């Protein structure tokens, strides 16, 4: 799931993404600045790029209750990266594709619901 956006900066995109996530019950637990990390660790230049670890606590609780091994699949990553033309691409993990193959049967409907919520987040950015 992805969306291309025009914005003056990655910070403005992050604000919009964070607000859209909040509308669907998600909070951002983690933020990884790929650009800064690669510069620091490898002295390599990257365009602006962030990974936001988004969590909907209600669904996280349901998933972990059904299968505690799903901790490795949480939180749901949403990435923002600047494209060569200056626009930004926002992408979200597909929890159905990621969780269903490794989880118990009870995970399927939960992963589908989370996928639908993340799809609404991405669609709201259009």
N, C-alpha and C. Protein backbone atom coordinates (compact mmCIF):
# COMPACT_ATOMS: atom_id res chain seq x y z
N UNK A 1 0.85 -1.17 0.00
CA UNK A 1 0.00 0.00 0.00
C UNK A 1 0.89 1.22 0.00
N UNK A 2 0.69 2.10 -0.97
CA UNK A 2 1.49 3.31 -0.97
C UNK A 2 0.75 4.47 -1.61
N UNK A 3 1.28 5.65 -1.36
CA UNK A 3 0.71 6.89 -1.85
C UNK A 3 1.85 7.86 -2.15
N UNK A 4 1.75 8.58 -3.23
CA UNK A 4 2.74 9.61 -3.56
C UNK A 4 2.14 10.96 -3.16
N UNK A 5 2.96 11.78 -2.50
CA UNK A 5 2.49 13.08 -2.01
C UNK A 5 3.48 14.17 -2.39
N UNK A 6 2.94 15.36 -2.57
CA UNK A 6 3.77 16.53 -2.72
C UNK A 6 3.77 17.27 -1.39
N UNK A 7 4.93 17.69 -0.94
CA UNK A 7 5.05 18.43 0.31
C UNK A 7 6.38 19.16 0.31
N UNK A 8 6.45 20.20 1.13
CA UNK A 8 7.67 21.01 1.22
C UNK A 8 8.79 20.27 1.96
N UNK A 9 8.42 19.34 2.86
CA UNK A 9 9.45 18.64 3.63
C UNK A 9 8.93 17.31 4.15
N UNK A 10 9.85 16.46 4.54
CA UNK A 10 9.48 15.17 5.11
C UNK A 10 8.77 15.37 6.45
N UNK A 11 9.11 16.45 7.16
CA UNK A 11 8.45 16.72 8.45
C UNK A 11 6.96 16.99 8.26
N UNK A 12 6.61 17.71 7.19
CA UNK A 12 5.20 17.96 6.92
C UNK A 12 4.46 16.67 6.55
N UNK A 13 5.12 15.82 5.79
CA UNK A 13 4.53 14.52 5.44
C UNK A 13 4.33 13.70 6.71
N UNK A 14 5.34 13.69 7.57
CA UNK A 14 5.26 12.93 8.83
C UNK A 14 4.07 13.41 9.67
N UNK A 15 3.85 14.72 9.73
CA UNK A 15 2.72 15.26 10.48
C UNK A 15 1.40 14.75 9.91
N UNK A 16 1.27 14.76 8.59
CA UNK A 16 0.04 14.28 7.95
C UNK A 16 -0.16 12.78 8.19
N UNK A 17 0.92 12.03 8.07
CA UNK A 17 0.84 10.58 8.28
C UNK A 17 0.46 10.28 9.73
N UNK A 18 1.10 10.97 10.66
CA UNK A 18 0.82 10.76 12.08
C UNK A 18 -0.64 11.08 12.40
N UNK A 19 -1.15 12.17 11.82
CA UNK A 19 -2.56 12.54 12.04
C UNK A 19 -3.50 11.48 11.45
N UNK A 20 -3.19 11.00 10.26
CA UNK A 20 -4.02 9.97 9.62
C UNK A 20 -3.99 8.67 10.43
N UNK A 21 -2.83 8.31 10.95
CA UNK A 21 -2.72 7.12 11.80
C UNK A 21 -3.58 7.28 13.06
N UNK A 22 -3.52 8.46 13.66
CA UNK A 22 -4.29 8.72 14.88
C UNK A 22 -5.79 8.55 14.62
N UNK A 23 -6.25 8.99 13.45
CA UNK A 23 -7.67 8.85 13.09
C UNK A 23 -8.12 7.39 13.08
N UNK A 24 -7.18 6.48 12.82
CA UNK A 24 -7.50 5.05 12.77
C UNK A 24 -7.08 4.32 14.04
N UNK A 25 -6.73 5.08 15.09
CA UNK A 25 -6.42 4.47 16.39
C UNK A 25 -4.98 4.07 16.59
N UNK A 26 -4.08 4.51 15.70
CA UNK A 26 -2.66 4.17 15.81
C UNK A 26 -1.88 5.31 16.46
N UNK A 27 -0.85 4.94 17.17
CA UNK A 27 0.14 5.89 17.65
C UNK A 27 1.48 5.49 17.07
N UNK A 28 2.41 6.42 17.08
CA UNK A 28 3.76 6.12 16.58
C UNK A 28 4.65 5.82 17.78
N UNK A 29 5.11 4.57 17.86
CA UNK A 29 5.96 4.13 18.97
C UNK A 29 7.43 4.39 18.72
N UNK A 30 7.83 4.25 17.45
CA UNK A 30 9.24 4.40 17.10
C UNK A 30 9.37 5.22 15.83
N UNK A 31 10.53 5.84 15.71
CA UNK A 31 10.86 6.56 14.48
C UNK A 31 12.33 6.33 14.18
N UNK A 32 12.60 5.84 12.99
CA UNK A 32 13.97 5.60 12.55
C UNK A 32 14.26 6.55 11.39
N UNK A 33 15.26 7.37 11.56
CA UNK A 33 15.69 8.30 10.51
C UNK A 33 16.80 7.61 9.72
N UNK A 34 16.43 7.03 8.59
CA UNK A 34 17.38 6.27 7.77
C UNK A 34 18.49 7.19 7.26
N UNK A 35 18.12 8.38 6.82
CA UNK A 35 19.11 9.33 6.29
C UNK A 35 20.19 9.61 7.33
N UNK A 36 19.79 9.95 8.55
CA UNK A 36 20.75 10.27 9.61
C UNK A 36 21.55 9.03 10.02
N UNK A 37 20.89 7.89 10.10
CA UNK A 37 21.57 6.66 10.52
C UNK A 37 22.64 6.24 9.53
N UNK A 38 22.31 6.28 8.24
CA UNK A 38 23.29 5.88 7.23
C UNK A 38 24.46 6.85 7.15
N UNK A 39 24.18 8.12 7.38
CA UNK A 39 25.26 9.11 7.38
C UNK A 39 26.20 8.83 8.56
N UNK A 40 25.61 8.59 9.72
CA UNK A 40 26.41 8.35 10.93
C UNK A 40 27.18 7.03 10.88
N UNK A 41 26.51 5.97 10.46
CA UNK A 41 27.12 4.64 10.50
C UNK A 41 28.03 4.33 9.31
N UNK A 42 27.66 4.84 8.13
CA UNK A 42 28.41 4.49 6.92
C UNK A 42 28.98 5.70 6.19
N UNK A 43 28.71 6.88 6.70
CA UNK A 43 29.08 8.14 6.04
C UNK A 43 28.59 8.13 4.60
N UNK A 44 27.35 7.68 4.44
CA UNK A 44 26.75 7.58 3.11
C UNK A 44 25.52 8.49 3.06
N UNK A 45 25.38 9.21 1.95
CA UNK A 45 24.26 10.14 1.79
C UNK A 45 23.04 9.41 1.26
N UNK A 46 21.93 9.60 1.94
CA UNK A 46 20.63 9.07 1.53
C UNK A 46 19.66 10.24 1.45
N UNK A 47 18.63 10.13 0.62
CA UNK A 47 17.59 11.16 0.63
C UNK A 47 16.79 11.03 1.94
N UNK A 48 15.99 12.04 2.28
CA UNK A 48 15.17 11.93 3.48
C UNK A 48 14.31 10.66 3.45
N UNK A 49 14.37 9.93 4.56
CA UNK A 49 13.69 8.64 4.65
C UNK A 49 13.43 8.32 6.11
N UNK A 50 12.18 8.02 6.46
CA UNK A 50 11.81 7.67 7.84
C UNK A 50 11.04 6.35 7.86
N UNK A 51 11.18 5.63 8.96
CA UNK A 51 10.33 4.47 9.22
C UNK A 51 9.62 4.76 10.53
N UNK A 52 8.29 4.78 10.48
CA UNK A 52 7.48 4.99 11.67
C UNK A 52 6.91 3.66 12.12
N UNK A 53 7.12 3.31 13.37
CA UNK A 53 6.56 2.09 13.95
C UNK A 53 5.20 2.42 14.54
N UNK A 54 4.13 2.08 13.81
CA UNK A 54 2.77 2.44 14.22
C UNK A 54 2.12 1.28 14.96
N UNK A 55 1.38 1.63 16.01
CA UNK A 55 0.71 0.60 16.81
C UNK A 55 -0.71 1.04 17.15
N UNK A 56 -1.64 0.13 16.93
CA UNK A 56 -3.01 0.30 17.40
C UNK A 56 -3.11 -0.65 18.60
N UNK A 57 -3.10 -0.11 19.83
CA UNK A 57 -3.02 -0.98 21.00
C UNK A 57 -4.15 -1.99 21.13
N UNK A 58 -5.34 -1.65 20.67
CA UNK A 58 -6.47 -2.58 20.74
C UNK A 58 -6.17 -3.81 19.90
N UNK A 59 -5.70 -3.59 18.67
CA UNK A 59 -5.39 -4.72 17.80
C UNK A 59 -4.13 -5.44 18.23
N UNK A 60 -3.14 -4.70 18.72
CA UNK A 60 -1.92 -5.35 19.22
C UNK A 60 -2.26 -6.32 20.35
N UNK A 61 -3.14 -5.90 21.24
CA UNK A 61 -3.56 -6.76 22.34
C UNK A 61 -4.26 -8.02 21.82
N UNK A 62 -5.15 -7.85 20.84
CA UNK A 62 -5.86 -9.00 20.28
C UNK A 62 -4.89 -9.97 19.60
N UNK A 63 -3.96 -9.43 18.83
CA UNK A 63 -2.98 -10.26 18.12
C UNK A 63 -2.10 -11.01 19.11
N UNK A 64 -1.59 -10.31 20.12
CA UNK A 64 -0.70 -10.95 21.09
C UNK A 64 -1.44 -11.95 21.97
N UNK A 65 -2.71 -11.71 22.23
CA UNK A 65 -3.50 -12.68 22.99
C UNK A 65 -3.70 -13.95 22.18
N UNK A 66 -3.93 -13.79 20.87
CA UNK A 66 -4.12 -14.95 20.00
C UNK A 66 -2.82 -15.72 19.79
N UNK A 67 -1.70 -14.99 19.69
CA UNK A 67 -0.42 -15.64 19.40
C UNK A 67 0.73 -14.76 19.90
N UNK A 68 1.28 -15.04 21.08
CA UNK A 68 2.36 -14.22 21.63
C UNK A 68 3.61 -14.17 20.75
N UNK A 69 3.76 -15.11 19.83
CA UNK A 69 4.92 -15.11 18.94
C UNK A 69 4.87 -13.95 17.93
N UNK A 70 3.74 -13.29 17.85
CA UNK A 70 3.58 -12.18 16.90
C UNK A 70 4.33 -10.92 17.33
N UNK A 71 5.01 -10.96 18.48
CA UNK A 71 5.79 -9.78 18.90
C UNK A 71 6.80 -9.39 17.82
N UNK A 72 7.30 -10.35 17.09
CA UNK A 72 8.28 -10.06 16.04
C UNK A 72 7.66 -9.30 14.87
N UNK A 73 6.34 -9.30 14.78
CA UNK A 73 5.66 -8.64 13.66
C UNK A 73 5.14 -7.25 14.02
N UNK A 74 5.37 -6.84 15.24
CA UNK A 74 4.87 -5.54 15.71
C UNK A 74 6.02 -4.58 15.93
N UNK A 75 5.84 -3.29 15.80
CA UNK A 75 4.65 -2.61 15.31
C UNK A 75 4.57 -2.67 13.78
N UNK A 76 3.52 -2.08 13.24
CA UNK A 76 3.34 -2.01 11.79
C UNK A 76 4.17 -0.85 11.25
N UNK A 77 5.06 -1.13 10.32
CA UNK A 77 5.91 -0.08 9.77
C UNK A 77 5.22 0.71 8.67
N UNK A 78 5.41 2.02 8.76
CA UNK A 78 4.96 2.94 7.73
C UNK A 78 6.21 3.74 7.34
N UNK A 79 6.55 3.72 6.06
CA UNK A 79 7.77 4.42 5.64
C UNK A 79 7.43 5.65 4.81
N UNK A 80 8.29 6.63 4.95
CA UNK A 80 8.19 7.87 4.17
C UNK A 80 9.56 8.07 3.52
N UNK A 81 9.57 8.26 2.21
CA UNK A 81 10.86 8.51 1.57
C UNK A 81 10.70 9.52 0.46
N UNK A 82 11.71 10.36 0.33
CA UNK A 82 11.69 11.36 -0.73
C UNK A 82 12.17 10.72 -2.02
N UNK A 83 11.42 10.95 -3.08
CA UNK A 83 11.74 10.42 -4.40
C UNK A 83 12.65 11.40 -5.15
N UNK A 84 13.31 10.94 -6.20
CA UNK A 84 14.21 11.83 -6.96
C UNK A 84 13.53 13.10 -7.48
N UNK A 85 12.21 13.04 -7.75
CA UNK A 85 11.52 14.23 -8.25
C UNK A 85 11.09 15.19 -7.14
N UNK A 86 11.45 14.88 -5.89
CA UNK A 86 11.12 15.75 -4.77
C UNK A 86 9.82 15.39 -4.08
N UNK A 87 8.99 14.54 -4.69
CA UNK A 87 7.76 14.09 -4.04
C UNK A 87 8.10 13.07 -2.98
N UNK A 88 7.11 12.68 -2.20
CA UNK A 88 7.32 11.71 -1.13
C UNK A 88 6.42 10.51 -1.33
N UNK A 89 6.98 9.33 -1.09
CA UNK A 89 6.21 8.10 -1.13
C UNK A 89 5.97 7.65 0.30
N UNK A 90 4.71 7.37 0.62
CA UNK A 90 4.35 6.82 1.93
C UNK A 90 3.86 5.40 1.69
N UNK A 91 4.46 4.44 2.38
CA UNK A 91 4.12 3.03 2.22
C UNK A 91 3.83 2.42 3.59
N UNK A 92 2.92 1.47 3.61
CA UNK A 92 2.61 0.75 4.84
C UNK A 92 2.72 -0.75 4.59
N UNK A 93 3.16 -1.44 5.60
CA UNK A 93 3.23 -2.89 5.54
C UNK A 93 1.82 -3.46 5.35
N UNK A 94 1.74 -4.59 4.71
CA UNK A 94 0.47 -5.30 4.59
C UNK A 94 0.47 -6.38 5.67
N UNK A 95 -0.22 -6.13 6.80
CA UNK A 95 -0.19 -7.11 7.89
C UNK A 95 -0.75 -8.48 7.50
N UNK A 96 -1.67 -8.50 6.56
CA UNK A 96 -2.21 -9.78 6.12
C UNK A 96 -1.12 -10.62 5.46
N UNK A 97 -0.35 -10.01 4.59
CA UNK A 97 0.73 -10.73 3.91
C UNK A 97 1.85 -11.10 4.88
N UNK A 98 2.09 -10.25 5.87
CA UNK A 98 3.20 -10.49 6.80
C UNK A 98 2.84 -11.46 7.93
N UNK A 99 1.67 -11.32 8.51
CA UNK A 99 1.33 -12.09 9.72
C UNK A 99 0.67 -13.42 9.45
N UNK A 100 -0.19 -13.49 8.46
CA UNK A 100 -0.99 -14.69 8.24
C UNK A 100 -0.12 -15.92 7.99
N UNK A 101 0.93 -15.84 7.17
CA UNK A 101 1.73 -17.06 6.93
C UNK A 101 2.44 -17.61 8.17
N UNK A 102 2.69 -16.77 9.18
CA UNK A 102 3.44 -17.24 10.35
C UNK A 102 2.59 -17.34 11.61
N UNK A 103 1.37 -16.85 11.56
CA UNK A 103 0.53 -16.82 12.75
C UNK A 103 -0.49 -17.93 12.80
N UNK A 104 -1.16 -17.99 13.93
CA UNK A 104 -2.25 -18.95 14.10
C UNK A 104 -3.45 -18.50 13.28
N UNK A 105 -4.39 -19.38 13.13
CA UNK A 105 -5.60 -19.12 12.33
C UNK A 105 -6.35 -17.88 12.82
N UNK A 106 -6.36 -17.65 14.12
CA UNK A 106 -7.08 -16.51 14.70
C UNK A 106 -6.50 -15.16 14.27
N UNK A 107 -5.30 -15.17 13.72
CA UNK A 107 -4.64 -13.94 13.29
C UNK A 107 -5.25 -13.40 11.99
N UNK A 108 -5.76 -14.27 11.15
CA UNK A 108 -6.25 -13.86 9.82
C UNK A 108 -7.25 -12.70 9.87
N UNK A 109 -8.34 -12.80 10.62
CA UNK A 109 -9.30 -11.68 10.60
C UNK A 109 -8.73 -10.42 11.24
N UNK A 110 -7.88 -10.57 12.22
CA UNK A 110 -7.27 -9.39 12.85
C UNK A 110 -6.32 -8.69 11.88
N UNK A 111 -5.51 -9.47 11.19
CA UNK A 111 -4.58 -8.90 10.21
C UNK A 111 -5.35 -8.20 9.10
N UNK A 112 -6.47 -8.77 8.70
CA UNK A 112 -7.30 -8.16 7.65
C UNK A 112 -7.84 -6.81 8.13
N UNK A 113 -8.30 -6.75 9.37
CA UNK A 113 -8.83 -5.50 9.91
C UNK A 113 -7.74 -4.42 10.01
N UNK A 114 -6.56 -4.82 10.45
CA UNK A 114 -5.46 -3.85 10.54
C UNK A 114 -5.07 -3.39 9.14
N UNK A 115 -5.06 -4.30 8.18
CA UNK A 115 -4.76 -3.92 6.80
C UNK A 115 -5.76 -2.88 6.31
N UNK A 116 -7.03 -3.10 6.59
CA UNK A 116 -8.06 -2.14 6.17
C UNK A 116 -7.84 -0.77 6.80
N UNK A 117 -7.46 -0.75 8.07
CA UNK A 117 -7.20 0.52 8.75
C UNK A 117 -5.99 1.23 8.15
N UNK A 118 -4.93 0.48 7.87
CA UNK A 118 -3.75 1.09 7.26
C UNK A 118 -4.05 1.56 5.83
N UNK A 119 -4.89 0.83 5.12
CA UNK A 119 -5.28 1.27 3.77
C UNK A 119 -6.04 2.59 3.85
N UNK A 120 -6.87 2.78 4.88
CA UNK A 120 -7.57 4.05 5.08
C UNK A 120 -6.58 5.17 5.36
N UNK A 121 -5.56 4.87 6.14
CA UNK A 121 -4.52 5.87 6.43
C UNK A 121 -3.88 6.32 5.13
N UNK A 122 -3.47 5.37 4.31
CA UNK A 122 -2.79 5.71 3.05
C UNK A 122 -3.73 6.48 2.13
N UNK A 123 -4.98 6.04 2.05
CA UNK A 123 -5.97 6.72 1.18
C UNK A 123 -6.23 8.14 1.65
N UNK A 124 -6.18 8.38 2.94
CA UNK A 124 -6.44 9.72 3.49
C UNK A 124 -5.36 10.72 3.10
N UNK A 125 -4.23 10.24 2.64
CA UNK A 125 -3.11 11.12 2.27
C UNK A 125 -3.23 11.65 0.85
N UNK A 126 -4.19 11.13 0.07
CA UNK A 126 -4.35 11.53 -1.33
C UNK A 126 -4.79 12.98 -1.44
